[in-house]
C-alpha atoms as a PDB file:
ATOM      1  CA  MET A   1     -55.374  -1.247 -29.789  1.00  0.00           C
ATOM      2  CA  ALA A   2     -59.067   0.322 -29.976  1.00  0.00           C
ATOM      3  CA  PRO A   3     -60.512   4.139 -30.593  1.00  0.00           C
ATOM      4  CA  SER A   4     -61.917   3.957 -27.051  1.00  0.00           C
ATOM      5  CA  VAL A   5     -61.747   2.498 -23.548  1.00  0.00           C
ATOM      6  CA  SER A   6     -65.525   1.361 -24.191  1.00  0.00           C
ATOM      7  CA  ALA A   7     -64.699  -0.066 -27.672  1.00  0.00           C
ATOM      8  CA  ALA A   8     -61.640  -2.014 -26.135  1.00  0.00           C
ATOM      9  CA  VAL A   9     -63.209  -3.379 -23.065  1.00  0.00           C
ATOM     10  CA  ALA A  10     -66.276  -4.618 -25.415  1.00  0.00           C
ATOM     11  CA  ALA A  11     -64.245  -6.384 -27.531  1.00  0.00           C
ATOM     12  CA  LEU A  12     -62.110  -7.986 -24.421  1.00  0.00           C
ATOM     13  CA  ARG A  13     -65.350  -9.243 -22.679  1.00  0.00           C
ATOM     14  CA  SER A  14     -66.507 -10.527 -26.702  1.00  0.00           C
ATOM     15  CA  LEU A  15     -63.103 -12.516 -26.726  1.00  0.00           C
ATOM     16  CA  GLU A  16     -63.561 -13.825 -23.002  1.00  0.00           C
ATOM     17  CA  ALA A  17     -67.245 -15.041 -23.163  1.00  0.00           C
ATOM     18  CA  ALA A  18     -66.205 -16.948 -27.001  1.00  0.00           C
ATOM     19  CA  LEU A  19     -63.635 -18.520 -25.137  1.00  0.00           C
ATOM     20  CA  GLY A  20     -64.970 -19.107 -21.894  1.00  0.00           C
ATOM     21  CA  TRP A  21     -62.337 -17.550 -20.098  1.00  0.00           C
ATOM     22  CA  PRO A  22     -62.265 -15.739 -16.690  1.00  0.00           C
ATOM     23  CA  ALA A  23     -63.021 -11.974 -16.811  1.00  0.00           C
ATOM     24  CA  LEU A  24     -59.595 -10.269 -16.207  1.00  0.00           C
ATOM     25  CA  ALA A  25     -60.221  -7.219 -13.836  1.00  0.00           C
ATOM     26  CA  GLU A  26     -58.773  -3.790 -14.165  1.00  0.00           C
ATOM     27  CA  GLN A  27     -55.234  -3.141 -13.530  1.00  0.00           C
ATOM     28  CA  PRO A  28     -54.887   0.674 -13.025  1.00  0.00           C
ATOM     29  CA  VAL A  29     -51.662   1.712 -14.132  1.00  0.00           C
ATOM     30  CA  SER A  30     -50.225   5.125 -13.166  1.00  0.00           C
ATOM     31  CA  THR A  31     -49.200   6.860 -16.798  1.00  0.00           C
ATOM     32  CA  ALA A  32     -51.705   9.631 -16.901  1.00  0.00           C
ATOM     33  CA  SER A  33     -50.168  13.153 -17.470  1.00  0.00           C
ATOM     34  CA  PRO A  34     -52.134  16.437 -18.010  1.00  0.00           C
ATOM     35  CA  ALA A  35     -51.523  16.204 -21.557  1.00  0.00           C
ATOM     36  CA  GLU A  36     -52.451  12.736 -21.649  1.00  0.00           C
ATOM     37  CA  PRO A  37     -55.419  11.793 -19.069  1.00  0.00           C
ATOM     38  CA  ASP A  38     -55.915   8.094 -17.431  1.00  0.00           C
ATOM     39  CA  PRO A  39     -57.797   6.592 -20.156  1.00  0.00           C
ATOM     40  CA  MET A  40     -59.884   4.764 -17.306  1.00  0.00           C
ATOM     41  CA  GLN A  41     -61.366   7.867 -15.784  1.00  0.00           C
ATOM     42  CA  SER A  42     -63.359   8.881 -18.943  1.00  0.00           C
ATOM     43  CA  ASP A  43     -64.669   7.494 -22.127  1.00  0.00           C
ATOM     44  CA  THR A  44     -63.079  10.236 -24.490  1.00  0.00           C
ATOM     45  CA  VAL A  45     -62.987   9.036 -27.826  1.00  0.00           C
ATOM     46  CA  ALA A  46     -59.156   8.495 -28.026  1.00  0.00           C
ATOM     47  CA  PRO A  47     -56.807   5.604 -28.883  1.00  0.00           C
ATOM     48  CA  VAL A  48     -56.193   3.094 -26.223  1.00  0.00           C
ATOM     49  CA  PHE A  49     -53.669  -0.151 -25.968  1.00  0.00           C
ATOM     50  CA  LEU A  50     -55.507  -2.483 -23.779  1.00  0.00           C
ATOM     51  CA  LYS A  51     -53.413  -5.666 -22.722  1.00  0.00           C
ATOM     52  CA  GLY A  52     -54.359  -8.343 -20.912  1.00  0.00           C
ATOM     53  CA  ASN A  53     -52.840 -11.137 -19.006  1.00  0.00           C
ATOM     54  CA  GLN A  54     -54.411 -14.570 -18.012  1.00  0.00           C
ATOM     55  CA  ARG A  55     -51.705 -15.400 -15.795  1.00  0.00           C
ATOM     56  CA  SER A  56     -52.292 -12.850 -13.484  1.00  0.00           C
ATOM     57  CA  GLY A  57     -55.950 -12.102 -14.170  1.00  0.00           C
ATOM     58  CA  THR A  58     -55.898  -8.411 -15.428  1.00  0.00           C
ATOM     59  CA  PHE A  59     -55.675  -6.076 -18.122  1.00  0.00           C
ATOM     60  CA  TRP A  60     -54.610  -2.707 -18.137  1.00  0.00           C
ATOM     61  CA  LEU A  61     -55.069   0.577 -20.787  1.00  0.00           C
ATOM     62  CA  ARG A  62     -52.804   3.153 -22.147  1.00  0.00           C
ATOM     63  CA  PRO A  63     -53.129   6.059 -24.230  1.00  0.00           C
ATOM     64  CA  GLU A  64     -51.772   4.785 -27.972  1.00  0.00           C
ATOM     65  CA  ARG A  65     -51.674   6.583 -30.911  1.00  0.00           C
ATOM     66  CA  GLY A  66     -50.727   5.636 -34.330  1.00  0.00           C
ATOM     67  CA  LEU A  67     -50.949   1.478 -34.131  1.00  0.00           C
ATOM     68  CA  GLY A  68     -54.476   1.163 -36.136  1.00  0.00           C
ATOM     69  CA  GLU A  69     -57.007  -0.922 -34.860  1.00  0.00           C
ATOM     70  CA  GLY A  70     -57.527  -4.580 -33.330  1.00  0.00           C
ATOM     71  CA  LEU A  71     -57.246  -7.180 -31.799  1.00  0.00           C
ATOM     72  CA  LEU A  72     -53.508  -9.290 -31.315  1.00  0.00           C
ATOM     73  CA  ILE A  73     -53.367 -12.528 -29.491  1.00  0.00           C
ATOM     74  CA  SER A  74     -49.562 -13.991 -28.566  1.00  0.00           C
ATOM     75  CA  GLY A  75     -49.697 -17.347 -27.262  1.00  0.00           C
ATOM     76  CA  HIS A  76     -47.380 -18.098 -24.202  1.00  0.00           C
ATOM     77  CA  ARG A  77     -45.619 -21.450 -22.883  1.00  0.00           C
ATOM     78  CA  SER A  78     -43.709 -22.124 -19.935  1.00  0.00           C
ATOM     79  CA  ALA A  79     -40.202 -23.464 -21.561  1.00  0.00           C
ATOM     80  CA  ASP A  80     -39.094 -26.938 -20.182  1.00  0.00           C
ATOM     81  CA  GLY A  81     -40.786 -26.031 -17.046  1.00  0.00           C
ATOM     82  CA  ASP A  82     -38.283 -23.601 -15.946  1.00  0.00           C
ATOM     83  CA  GLY A  83     -40.974 -20.890 -15.723  1.00  0.00           C
ATOM     84  CA  SER A  84     -39.625 -19.013 -18.169  1.00  0.00           C
ATOM     85  CA  ARG A  85     -42.046 -17.918 -20.926  1.00  0.00           C
ATOM     86  CA  ASP A  86     -41.762 -18.204 -24.693  1.00  0.00           C
ATOM     87  CA  ALA A  87     -44.196 -16.478 -27.449  1.00  0.00           C
ATOM     88  CA  GLU A  88     -45.684 -19.318 -28.703  1.00  0.00           C
ATOM     89  CA  GLY A  89     -46.848 -17.189 -31.733  1.00  0.00           C
ATOM     90  CA  THR A  90     -49.293 -14.292 -32.263  1.00  0.00           C
ATOM     91  CA  TRP A  91     -52.560 -14.043 -34.357  1.00  0.00           C
ATOM     92  CA  GLY A  92     -53.687 -10.570 -36.111  1.00  0.00           C
ATOM     93  CA  PRO A  93     -54.965  -8.040 -35.849  1.00  0.00           C
ATOM     94  CA  LEU A  94     -58.373  -9.480 -35.874  1.00  0.00           C
ATOM     95  CA  PRO A  95     -61.165  -6.962 -36.120  1.00  0.00           C
ATOM     96  CA  LEU A  96     -61.866  -5.669 -32.882  1.00  0.00           C
ATOM     97  CA  ASP A  97     -65.874  -7.577 -32.925  1.00  0.00           C
ATOM     98  CA  PHE A  98     -64.332 -10.702 -34.504  1.00  0.00           C
ATOM     99  CA  PHE A  99     -65.604 -12.932 -30.952  1.00  0.00           C
ATOM    100  CA  SER A 100     -69.087 -11.156 -31.026  1.00  0.00           C
END
């Protein structure tokens, strides 16, 4: 959760750089309405939620209010080789500049 698109993407890029992860690509999400403009179309100062998925290699953003600010990192693993995904744990919220 971040106060703007640029802050969210900057936090993602610093996390990727610090951990040696490949950069995720933007996945456009069509959730914008006239009341809520698409957060990727401009960097208005409005809170956003960024979700990254290393398995798909993409991230997406959506407008989000009231969640606070910070990084949440969730680990996942395959369970017993059956292809299902179980959560390993969630860490955070960490400051947006934690990996800078």
